[in-house]
Amino acid sequence: MILRFLNWQGIAGIAASLALAGLLVAQAIEARHWHKSSSRFEQLYASEQLAFARTTAAYREAADKARADDRANAARVAGQQQSITEGTEHDFQIRLADARARADRLRQELAAGAADPGSRGTAAVSGLPAAAGGSAQAAGDQRLPAGLALTATEQAIQLDELIKWVRRQAEINPNASADEPVHP
């Protein structure tokens, strides 16, 4: 009976069956290979996603820290600037009050001297006639009037304090750390 199946059609059928079985085995081996590769690629993809998430978190954390440091630095610089401004304003007010007090004292001394010319204990000296050309003047004639002199003094003090303020403001390093010493 087996011989009956071994004709050319039987042999072709067996050959076709063996070929299909071989292809099935090859397909199974290939499927197992791709399944392993797929698992490996999936793990690689997951690790890449995790690394990306960690990197993103680290950059966000660094950016947040940088923003916080910038805010702290800006507050430090603003505090130093405010301190310099207040100190300069205080010095300006003291110098201005001192100049005004000296001007008042000088005005009172001049008023007292004009009211009592003999109070200094000196003899009156007769005045000398002016020079013929009139170009020579007494030393006191070249001075500013008292009101203008005080105004000029106040403006000079103001400019002096402004220059000091600008120089001290320029000494502030906005990029310095909070640990560095503050300029007076």
N, C-alpha and C. Protein backbone atom coordinates (compact mmCIF):
# COMPACT_ATOMS: atom_id res chain seq x y z
N MET A 1 0.75 -1.16 0.00
CA MET A 1 0.00 0.00 0.00
C MET A 1 0.82 1.27 0.00
N ILE A 2 1.87 1.23 0.64
CA ILE A 2 2.74 2.38 0.65
C ILE A 2 3.26 2.62 -0.76
N LEU A 3 3.43 1.61 -1.49
CA LEU A 3 3.93 1.79 -2.83
C LEU A 3 2.90 2.50 -3.68
N ARG A 4 1.72 2.28 -3.38
CA ARG A 4 0.69 2.95 -4.12
C ARG A 4 0.76 4.46 -3.94
N PHE A 5 1.16 4.92 -2.79
CA PHE A 5 1.27 6.36 -2.53
C PHE A 5 2.59 6.93 -3.01
N LEU A 6 3.51 6.08 -3.38
CA LEU A 6 4.81 6.56 -3.75
C LEU A 6 4.92 6.85 -5.25
N ASN A 7 3.91 7.10 -5.87
CA ASN A 7 4.00 7.52 -7.26
C ASN A 7 4.46 8.97 -7.29
N TRP A 8 4.53 9.48 -8.44
CA TRP A 8 5.09 10.83 -8.56
C TRP A 8 4.23 11.86 -7.85
N GLN A 9 2.95 11.67 -7.77
CA GLN A 9 2.08 12.61 -7.07
C GLN A 9 2.25 12.51 -5.56
N GLY A 10 2.44 11.31 -5.08
CA GLY A 10 2.66 11.10 -3.64
C GLY A 10 3.99 11.71 -3.22
N ILE A 11 5.01 11.46 -4.07
CA ILE A 11 6.32 12.00 -3.73
C ILE A 11 6.26 13.53 -3.77
N ALA A 12 5.59 14.11 -4.71
CA ALA A 12 5.45 15.56 -4.79
C ALA A 12 4.70 16.08 -3.57
N GLY A 13 3.68 15.34 -3.14
CA GLY A 13 2.91 15.76 -1.95
C GLY A 13 3.77 15.73 -0.70
N ILE A 14 4.59 14.64 -0.56
CA ILE A 14 5.47 14.53 0.60
C ILE A 14 6.52 15.62 0.54
N ALA A 15 7.07 15.86 -0.62
CA ALA A 15 8.08 16.91 -0.78
C ALA A 15 7.47 18.28 -0.45
N ALA A 16 6.28 18.51 -0.94
CA ALA A 16 5.61 19.77 -0.66
C ALA A 16 5.33 19.89 0.83
N SER A 17 4.92 18.80 1.48
CA SER A 17 4.65 18.82 2.93
C SER A 17 5.93 19.10 3.70
N LEU A 18 7.04 18.43 3.30
CA LEU A 18 8.32 18.66 3.99
C LEU A 18 8.79 20.11 3.78
N ALA A 19 8.59 20.61 2.56
CA ALA A 19 8.99 22.00 2.29
C ALA A 19 8.16 22.96 3.13
N LEU A 20 6.86 22.69 3.20
CA LEU A 20 6.00 23.56 4.03
C LEU A 20 6.37 23.44 5.51
N ALA A 21 6.70 22.22 5.96
CA ALA A 21 7.12 22.03 7.37
C ALA A 21 8.42 22.78 7.62
N GLY A 22 9.34 22.73 6.65
CA GLY A 22 10.61 23.46 6.79
C GLY A 22 10.37 24.95 6.84
N LEU A 23 9.47 25.44 5.98
CA LEU A 23 9.14 26.86 6.01
C LEU A 23 8.48 27.25 7.32
N LEU A 24 7.64 26.35 7.84
CA LEU A 24 6.97 26.61 9.12
C LEU A 24 8.00 26.69 10.25
N VAL A 25 8.95 25.76 10.25
CA VAL A 25 10.01 25.77 11.26
C VAL A 25 10.85 27.05 11.11
N ALA A 26 11.20 27.40 9.88
CA ALA A 26 11.98 28.62 9.63
C ALA A 26 11.21 29.85 10.09
N GLN A 27 9.91 29.85 9.81
CA GLN A 27 9.06 30.98 10.22
C GLN A 27 8.99 31.06 11.74
N ALA A 28 8.91 29.94 12.42
CA ALA A 28 8.87 29.91 13.88
C ALA A 28 10.18 30.43 14.46
N ILE A 29 11.30 30.01 13.86
CA ILE A 29 12.60 30.49 14.33
C ILE A 29 12.72 31.99 14.11
N GLU A 30 12.30 32.44 12.96
CA GLU A 30 12.35 33.87 12.65
C GLU A 30 11.43 34.67 13.57
N ALA A 31 10.27 34.13 13.86
CA ALA A 31 9.33 34.81 14.76
C ALA A 31 9.93 34.93 16.16
N ARG A 32 10.59 33.87 16.63
CA ARG A 32 11.23 33.90 17.94
C ARG A 32 12.35 34.95 17.94
N HIS A 33 13.13 34.98 16.84
CA HIS A 33 14.21 35.97 16.73
C HIS A 33 13.65 37.39 16.79
N TRP A 34 12.60 37.67 16.02
CA TRP A 34 12.03 39.02 16.01
C TRP A 34 11.35 39.36 17.33
N HIS A 35 10.81 38.37 17.99
CA HIS A 35 10.19 38.60 19.29
C HIS A 35 11.27 39.03 20.29
N LYS A 36 12.42 38.33 20.28
CA LYS A 36 13.52 38.71 21.16
C LYS A 36 14.04 40.10 20.81
N SER A 37 14.19 40.35 19.51
CA SER A 37 14.66 41.68 19.08
C SER A 37 13.66 42.76 19.47
N SER A 38 12.39 42.45 19.32
CA SER A 38 11.35 43.40 19.69
C SER A 38 11.40 43.70 21.18
N SER A 39 11.58 42.70 22.00
CA SER A 39 11.68 42.91 23.45
C SER A 39 12.89 43.77 23.78
N ARG A 40 14.02 43.47 23.10
CA ARG A 40 15.24 44.24 23.34
C ARG A 40 15.04 45.70 22.90
N PHE A 41 14.41 45.91 21.74
CA PHE A 41 14.15 47.27 21.28
C PHE A 41 13.16 48.00 22.19
N GLU A 42 12.19 47.25 22.71
CA GLU A 42 11.23 47.85 23.64
C GLU A 42 11.92 48.29 24.91
N GLN A 43 12.84 47.47 25.43
CA GLN A 43 13.60 47.85 26.63
C GLN A 43 14.50 49.05 26.34
N LEU A 44 15.12 49.05 25.17
CA LEU A 44 15.96 50.17 24.78
C LEU A 44 15.15 51.45 24.66
N TYR A 45 13.97 51.34 24.07
CA TYR A 45 13.09 52.50 23.93
C TYR A 45 12.65 53.01 25.31
N ALA A 46 12.30 52.10 26.20
CA ALA A 46 11.88 52.49 27.55
C ALA A 46 13.03 53.16 28.30
N SER A 47 14.26 52.63 28.14
CA SER A 47 15.40 53.24 28.83
C SER A 47 15.70 54.61 28.24
N GLU A 48 15.55 54.78 26.93
CA GLU A 48 15.74 56.09 26.30
C GLU A 48 14.70 57.08 26.79
N GLN A 49 13.46 56.64 26.89
CA GLN A 49 12.40 57.51 27.40
C GLN A 49 12.66 57.92 28.84
N LEU A 50 13.14 56.99 29.65
CA LEU A 50 13.47 57.28 31.04
C LEU A 50 14.64 58.27 31.12
N ALA A 51 15.66 58.04 30.29
CA ALA A 51 16.80 58.96 30.27
C ALA A 51 16.35 60.35 29.83
N PHE A 52 15.48 60.41 28.83
CA PHE A 52 14.96 61.70 28.37
C PHE A 52 14.18 62.40 29.49
N ALA A 53 13.35 61.64 30.18
CA ALA A 53 12.57 62.22 31.28
C ALA A 53 13.48 62.73 32.39
N ARG A 54 14.54 61.97 32.71
CA ARG A 54 15.49 62.42 33.74
C ARG A 54 16.23 63.68 33.29
N THR A 55 16.65 63.69 32.03
CA THR A 55 17.36 64.86 31.51
C THR A 55 16.45 66.09 31.53
N THR A 56 15.22 65.91 31.10
CA THR A 56 14.25 67.02 31.10
C THR A 56 14.03 67.53 32.52
N ALA A 57 13.89 66.61 33.46
CA ALA A 57 13.69 67.01 34.86
C ALA A 57 14.92 67.74 35.39
N ALA A 58 16.12 67.26 35.02
CA ALA A 58 17.34 67.91 35.49
C ALA A 58 17.45 69.32 34.91
N TYR A 59 17.10 69.47 33.63
CA TYR A 59 17.14 70.81 33.02
C TYR A 59 16.10 71.73 33.65
N ARG A 60 14.94 71.23 33.91
CA ARG A 60 13.92 72.06 34.56
C ARG A 60 14.36 72.47 35.96
N GLU A 61 14.94 71.52 36.69
CA GLU A 61 15.42 71.82 38.03
C GLU A 61 16.53 72.87 37.98
N ALA A 62 17.45 72.71 37.02
CA ALA A 62 18.53 73.68 36.87
C ALA A 62 17.99 75.05 36.48
N ALA A 63 17.00 75.08 35.59
CA ALA A 63 16.40 76.35 35.18
C ALA A 63 15.68 77.01 36.36
N ASP A 64 14.97 76.21 37.15
CA ASP A 64 14.28 76.76 38.33
C ASP A 64 15.29 77.31 39.33
N LYS A 65 16.39 76.57 39.53
CA LYS A 65 17.42 77.04 40.45
C LYS A 65 18.06 78.32 39.93
N ALA A 66 18.31 78.38 38.62
CA ALA A 66 18.89 79.59 38.03
C ALA A 66 17.95 80.77 38.18
N ARG A 67 16.65 80.54 37.98
CA ARG A 67 15.68 81.63 38.16
C ARG A 67 15.66 82.09 39.61
N ALA A 68 15.69 81.15 40.54
CA ALA A 68 15.70 81.51 41.97
C ALA A 68 16.98 82.27 42.31
N ASP A 69 18.12 81.81 41.78
CA ASP A 69 19.38 82.52 42.02
C ASP A 69 19.34 83.91 41.43
N ASP A 70 18.75 84.04 40.24
CA ASP A 70 18.63 85.36 39.61
C ASP A 70 17.75 86.29 40.44
N ARG A 71 16.64 85.75 40.95
CA ARG A 71 15.77 86.58 41.79
C ARG A 71 16.50 87.00 43.06
N ALA A 72 17.23 86.07 43.68
CA ALA A 72 17.97 86.39 44.90
C ALA A 72 19.06 87.41 44.60
N ASN A 73 19.73 87.24 43.47
CA ASN A 73 20.79 88.17 43.09
C ASN A 73 20.20 89.55 42.80
N ALA A 74 19.07 89.58 42.11
CA ALA A 74 18.42 90.87 41.82
C ALA A 74 17.99 91.55 43.12
N ALA A 75 17.50 90.78 44.07
CA ALA A 75 17.11 91.35 45.36
C ALA A 75 18.34 91.88 46.11
N ARG A 76 19.45 91.13 46.04
CA ARG A 76 20.69 91.56 46.68
C ARG A 76 21.18 92.87 46.07
N VAL A 77 21.20 92.93 44.74
CA VAL A 77 21.66 94.14 44.04
C VAL A 77 20.74 95.32 44.36
N ALA A 78 19.43 95.07 44.34
CA ALA A 78 18.48 96.14 44.66
C ALA A 78 18.69 96.63 46.09
N GLY A 79 18.95 95.71 47.01
CA GLY A 79 19.22 96.10 48.39
C GLY A 79 20.48 96.95 48.52
N GLN A 80 21.53 96.52 47.80
CA GLN A 80 22.77 97.30 47.83
C GLN A 80 22.55 98.69 47.22
N GLN A 81 21.83 98.73 46.11
CA GLN A 81 21.56 100.01 45.47
C GLN A 81 20.73 100.91 46.39
N GLN A 82 19.73 100.34 47.03
CA GLN A 82 18.90 101.12 47.95
C GLN A 82 19.73 101.62 49.12
N SER A 83 20.62 100.77 49.63
CA SER A 83 21.48 101.18 50.74
C SER A 83 22.40 102.32 50.33
N ILE A 84 22.95 102.21 49.14
CA ILE A 84 23.82 103.28 48.65
C ILE A 84 23.02 104.57 48.47
N THR A 85 21.84 104.46 47.92
CA THR A 85 20.99 105.64 47.70
C THR A 85 20.64 106.30 49.03
N GLU A 86 20.24 105.49 50.01
CA GLU A 86 19.88 106.05 51.31
C GLU A 86 21.08 106.70 51.99
N GLY A 87 22.25 106.02 51.92
CA GLY A 87 23.46 106.58 52.52
C GLY A 87 23.87 107.88 51.86
N THR A 88 23.79 107.90 50.54
CA THR A 88 24.15 109.12 49.81
C THR A 88 23.18 110.24 50.12
N GLU A 89 21.90 109.91 50.18
CA GLU A 89 20.89 110.94 50.51
C GLU A 89 21.12 111.48 51.92
N HIS A 90 21.46 110.58 52.84
CA HIS A 90 21.73 111.00 54.22
C HIS A 90 22.95 111.92 54.26
N ASP A 91 24.03 111.52 53.58
CA ASP A 91 25.22 112.36 53.53
C ASP A 91 24.92 113.71 52.88
N PHE A 92 24.13 113.69 51.83
CA PHE A 92 23.75 114.93 51.14
C PHE A 92 22.98 115.85 52.07
N GLN A 93 22.02 115.29 52.80
CA GLN A 93 21.23 116.12 53.72
C GLN A 93 22.10 116.70 54.83
N ILE A 94 23.04 115.91 55.33
CA ILE A 94 23.93 116.41 56.38
C ILE A 94 24.81 117.53 55.84
N ARG A 95 25.42 117.31 54.67
CA ARG A 95 26.28 118.34 54.09
C ARG A 95 25.49 119.60 53.74
N LEU A 96 24.27 119.43 53.25
CA LEU A 96 23.43 120.57 52.91
C LEU A 96 23.05 121.36 54.15
N ALA A 97 22.68 120.65 55.21
CA ALA A 97 22.33 121.33 56.47
C ALA A 97 23.55 122.05 57.04
N ASP A 98 24.73 121.43 56.92
CA ASP A 98 25.95 122.06 57.41
C ASP A 98 26.26 123.32 56.60
N ALA A 99 26.12 123.25 55.29
CA ALA A 99 26.38 124.43 54.44
C ALA A 99 25.39 125.55 54.75
N ARG A 100 24.14 125.19 54.94
CA ARG A 100 23.13 126.21 55.26
C ARG A 100 23.40 126.83 56.63
N ALA A 101 23.83 126.00 57.58
CA ALA A 101 24.13 126.52 58.92
C ALA A 101 25.33 127.46 58.85
N ARG A 102 26.36 127.09 58.07
CA ARG A 102 27.51 127.97 57.92
C ARG A 102 27.12 129.27 57.23
N ALA A 103 26.23 129.19 56.23
CA ALA A 103 25.79 130.40 55.52
C ALA A 103 24.99 131.30 56.48
N ASP A 104 24.13 130.69 57.30
CA ASP A 104 23.38 131.49 58.28
C ASP A 104 24.31 132.14 59.29
N ARG A 105 25.31 131.39 59.76
CA ARG A 105 26.26 131.91 60.72
C ARG A 105 27.06 133.06 60.10
N LEU A 106 27.46 132.90 58.85
CA LEU A 106 28.20 133.95 58.16
C LEU A 106 27.33 135.18 57.96
N ARG A 107 26.07 134.98 57.60
CA ARG A 107 25.14 136.11 57.44
C ARG A 107 24.96 136.85 58.76
N GLN A 108 24.83 136.11 59.84
CA GLN A 108 24.66 136.74 61.16
C GLN A 108 25.92 137.50 61.56
N GLU A 109 27.10 136.90 61.26
CA GLU A 109 28.34 137.60 61.59
C GLU A 109 28.50 138.87 60.77
N LEU A 110 28.13 138.79 59.48
CA LEU A 110 28.21 139.98 58.63
C LEU A 110 27.20 141.03 59.08
N ALA A 111 26.01 140.60 59.44
CA ALA A 111 25.00 141.54 59.92
C ALA A 111 25.45 142.19 61.23
N ALA A 112 26.04 141.40 62.11
CA ALA A 112 26.51 141.94 63.38
C ALA A 112 27.69 142.88 63.15
N GLY A 113 28.56 142.55 62.21
CA GLY A 113 29.71 143.40 61.90
C GLY A 113 29.28 144.69 61.24
N ALA A 114 28.25 144.65 60.41
CA ALA A 114 27.76 145.86 59.74
C ALA A 114 27.04 146.76 60.74
N ALA A 115 26.35 146.16 61.69
CA ALA A 115 25.61 146.95 62.67
C ALA A 115 26.55 147.63 63.66
N ASP A 116 27.66 147.02 63.99
CA ASP A 116 28.59 147.57 64.97
C ASP A 116 29.99 147.52 64.38
N PRO A 117 30.35 148.50 63.55
CA PRO A 117 31.65 148.46 62.89
C PRO A 117 32.81 148.56 63.85
N GLY A 118 32.67 149.08 65.01
CA GLY A 118 33.78 149.22 65.95
C GLY A 118 33.90 148.05 66.90
N SER A 119 33.10 147.02 66.75
CA SER A 119 33.11 145.94 67.71
C SER A 119 34.35 145.07 67.61
N ARG A 120 35.05 145.16 66.55
CA ARG A 120 36.22 144.31 66.41
C ARG A 120 37.46 144.94 67.03
N GLY A 121 37.30 146.11 67.50
CA GLY A 121 38.40 146.76 68.19
C GLY A 121 39.44 147.35 67.25
N THR A 122 39.12 147.55 66.04
CA THR A 122 40.08 148.13 65.11
C THR A 122 39.67 149.56 64.81
N ALA A 123 40.62 150.34 64.51
CA ALA A 123 40.36 151.73 64.17
C ALA A 123 39.88 151.80 62.75
N ALA A 124 39.01 152.77 62.52
CA ALA A 124 38.50 152.92 61.17
C ALA A 124 39.61 153.43 60.27
N VAL A 125 39.73 152.87 59.12
CA VAL A 125 40.76 153.25 58.17
C VAL A 125 40.07 154.00 57.05
N SER A 126 40.68 155.10 56.69
CA SER A 126 40.08 155.85 55.59
C SER A 126 40.26 155.08 54.31
N GLY A 127 39.27 155.15 53.46
CA GLY A 127 39.30 154.41 52.21
C GLY A 127 40.25 155.05 51.22
N LEU A 128 40.82 154.25 50.39
CA LEU A 128 41.69 154.75 49.33
C LEU A 128 40.86 155.03 48.11
N PRO A 129 41.23 156.04 47.36
CA PRO A 129 40.47 156.31 46.15
C PRO A 129 40.70 155.20 45.13
N ALA A 130 39.71 154.97 44.28
CA ALA A 130 39.81 153.93 43.26
C ALA A 130 40.83 154.34 42.23
N ALA A 131 41.36 153.35 41.53
CA ALA A 131 42.35 153.63 40.50
C ALA A 131 41.71 154.42 39.38
N ALA A 132 42.53 155.08 38.63
CA ALA A 132 42.03 155.96 37.58
C ALA A 132 41.20 155.21 36.54
N GLY A 133 41.63 154.02 36.16
CA GLY A 133 40.91 153.28 35.13
C GLY A 133 39.66 152.61 35.66
N GLY A 134 39.59 152.40 36.93
CA GLY A 134 38.43 151.75 37.51
C GLY A 134 38.41 150.25 37.33
N SER A 135 39.50 149.68 36.82
CA SER A 135 39.48 148.24 36.59
C SER A 135 39.82 147.45 37.84
N ALA A 136 40.51 148.04 38.77
CA ALA A 136 40.85 147.32 39.99
C ALA A 136 39.66 147.39 40.94
N GLN A 137 39.35 146.26 41.54
CA GLN A 137 38.23 146.20 42.47
C GLN A 137 38.73 145.63 43.78
N ALA A 138 37.98 145.85 44.79
CA ALA A 138 38.33 145.28 46.09
C ALA A 138 38.15 143.77 46.03
N ALA A 139 38.86 143.06 46.90
CA ALA A 139 38.85 141.59 46.86
C ALA A 139 37.44 141.03 47.06
N GLY A 140 36.65 141.63 47.89
CA GLY A 140 35.32 141.12 48.17
C GLY A 140 34.32 141.37 47.07
N ASP A 141 34.63 142.25 46.15
CA ASP A 141 33.68 142.59 45.09
C ASP A 141 33.53 141.47 44.07
N GLN A 142 34.45 140.51 44.01
CA GLN A 142 34.39 139.45 43.00
C GLN A 142 33.58 138.25 43.49
N ARG A 143 33.14 138.27 44.68
CA ARG A 143 32.38 137.16 45.24
C ARG A 143 30.93 137.24 44.82
N LEU A 144 30.30 136.06 44.88
CA LEU A 144 28.87 136.00 44.60
C LEU A 144 28.09 136.58 45.77
N PRO A 145 26.91 137.11 45.51
CA PRO A 145 26.07 137.54 46.63
C PRO A 145 25.75 136.32 47.51
N ALA A 146 25.42 136.56 48.75
CA ALA A 146 25.24 135.49 49.73
C ALA A 146 24.21 134.46 49.27
N GLY A 147 23.09 134.92 48.74
CA GLY A 147 22.06 133.98 48.29
C GLY A 147 22.54 133.10 47.15
N LEU A 148 23.23 133.72 46.19
CA LEU A 148 23.75 132.94 45.06
C LEU A 148 24.90 132.03 45.48
N ALA A 149 25.69 132.48 46.43
CA ALA A 149 26.80 131.66 46.92
C ALA A 149 26.24 130.40 47.59
N LEU A 150 25.17 130.56 48.37
CA LEU A 150 24.57 129.39 49.02
C LEU A 150 23.99 128.44 47.98
N THR A 151 23.34 129.00 46.97
CA THR A 151 22.78 128.16 45.91
C THR A 151 23.89 127.41 45.18
N ALA A 152 24.98 128.11 44.88
CA ALA A 152 26.11 127.47 44.19
C ALA A 152 26.72 126.38 45.07
N THR A 153 26.83 126.64 46.36
CA THR A 153 27.36 125.64 47.29
C THR A 153 26.45 124.41 47.35
N GLU A 154 25.13 124.66 47.42
CA GLU A 154 24.19 123.55 47.44
C GLU A 154 24.29 122.71 46.18
N GLN A 155 24.40 123.37 45.04
CA GLN A 155 24.50 122.64 43.78
C GLN A 155 25.82 121.87 43.68
N ALA A 156 26.89 122.47 44.19
CA ALA A 156 28.18 121.77 44.20
C ALA A 156 28.12 120.53 45.08
N ILE A 157 27.48 120.65 46.23
CA ILE A 157 27.32 119.50 47.13
C ILE A 157 26.46 118.44 46.44
N GLN A 158 25.40 118.89 45.80
CA GLN A 158 24.51 117.95 45.10
C GLN A 158 25.27 117.20 44.01
N LEU A 159 26.05 117.92 43.22
CA LEU A 159 26.83 117.27 42.16
C LEU A 159 27.89 116.33 42.73
N ASP A 160 28.53 116.75 43.81
CA ASP A 160 29.54 115.91 44.45
C ASP A 160 28.91 114.61 44.95
N GLU A 161 27.78 114.71 45.61
CA GLU A 161 27.11 113.51 46.12
C GLU A 161 26.59 112.64 44.98
N LEU A 162 26.14 113.27 43.89
CA LEU A 162 25.70 112.51 42.72
C LEU A 162 26.86 111.72 42.11
N ILE A 163 28.02 112.35 42.02
CA ILE A 163 29.20 111.65 41.50
C ILE A 163 29.56 110.47 42.39
N LYS A 164 29.55 110.70 43.71
CA LYS A 164 29.83 109.60 44.65
C LYS A 164 28.81 108.48 44.49
N TRP A 165 27.54 108.85 44.35
CA TRP A 165 26.47 107.86 44.19
C TRP A 165 26.69 107.02 42.93
N VAL A 166 27.00 107.69 41.81
CA VAL A 166 27.21 106.98 40.55
C VAL A 166 28.40 106.03 40.66
N ARG A 167 29.48 106.49 41.27
CA ARG A 167 30.66 105.64 41.42
C ARG A 167 30.35 104.43 42.29
N ARG A 168 29.65 104.63 43.38
CA ARG A 168 29.33 103.51 44.27
C ARG A 168 28.36 102.54 43.61
N GLN A 169 27.41 103.08 42.83
CA GLN A 169 26.48 102.21 42.10
C GLN A 169 27.25 101.38 41.07
N ALA A 170 28.24 101.99 40.42
CA ALA A 170 29.01 101.28 39.40
C ALA A 170 29.89 100.19 40.01
N GLU A 171 30.21 100.31 41.28
CA GLU A 171 31.03 99.29 41.95
C GLU A 171 30.25 98.01 42.24
N ILE A 172 28.93 98.08 42.19
CA ILE A 172 28.13 96.89 42.47
C ILE A 172 28.29 95.91 41.31
N ASN A 173 28.65 94.69 41.63
CA ASN A 173 28.78 93.64 40.62
C ASN A 173 27.49 92.83 40.61
N PRO A 174 26.68 92.99 39.57
CA PRO A 174 25.40 92.27 39.55
C PRO A 174 25.58 90.76 39.35
N ASN A 175 26.77 90.33 38.96
CA ASN A 175 27.01 88.90 38.73
C ASN A 175 27.74 88.24 39.89
N ALA A 176 28.01 88.99 40.94
CA ALA A 176 28.71 88.43 42.09
C ALA A 176 27.76 87.54 42.89
N SER A 177 28.36 86.62 43.62
CA SER A 177 27.54 85.75 44.45
C SER A 177 27.19 86.49 45.74
N ALA A 178 26.24 85.95 46.46
CA ALA A 178 25.81 86.59 47.70
C ALA A 178 26.88 86.48 48.78
N ASP A 179 27.85 85.58 48.60
CA ASP A 179 28.90 85.38 49.61
C ASP A 179 29.99 86.44 49.53
N GLU A 180 30.11 87.13 48.40
CA GLU A 180 31.16 88.12 48.25
C GLU A 180 30.84 89.35 49.09
N PRO A 181 31.89 90.04 49.55
CA PRO A 181 31.65 91.22 50.41
C PRO A 181 30.99 92.34 49.65
N VAL A 182 30.19 93.10 50.38
CA VAL A 182 29.48 94.24 49.79
C VAL A 182 30.37 95.46 49.92
N HIS A 183 30.45 96.25 48.84
CA HIS A 183 31.23 97.49 48.91
C HIS A 183 30.51 98.49 49.78
N PRO A 184 31.28 99.22 50.59
CA PRO A 184 30.63 100.22 51.48
C PRO A 184 30.07 101.36 50.70
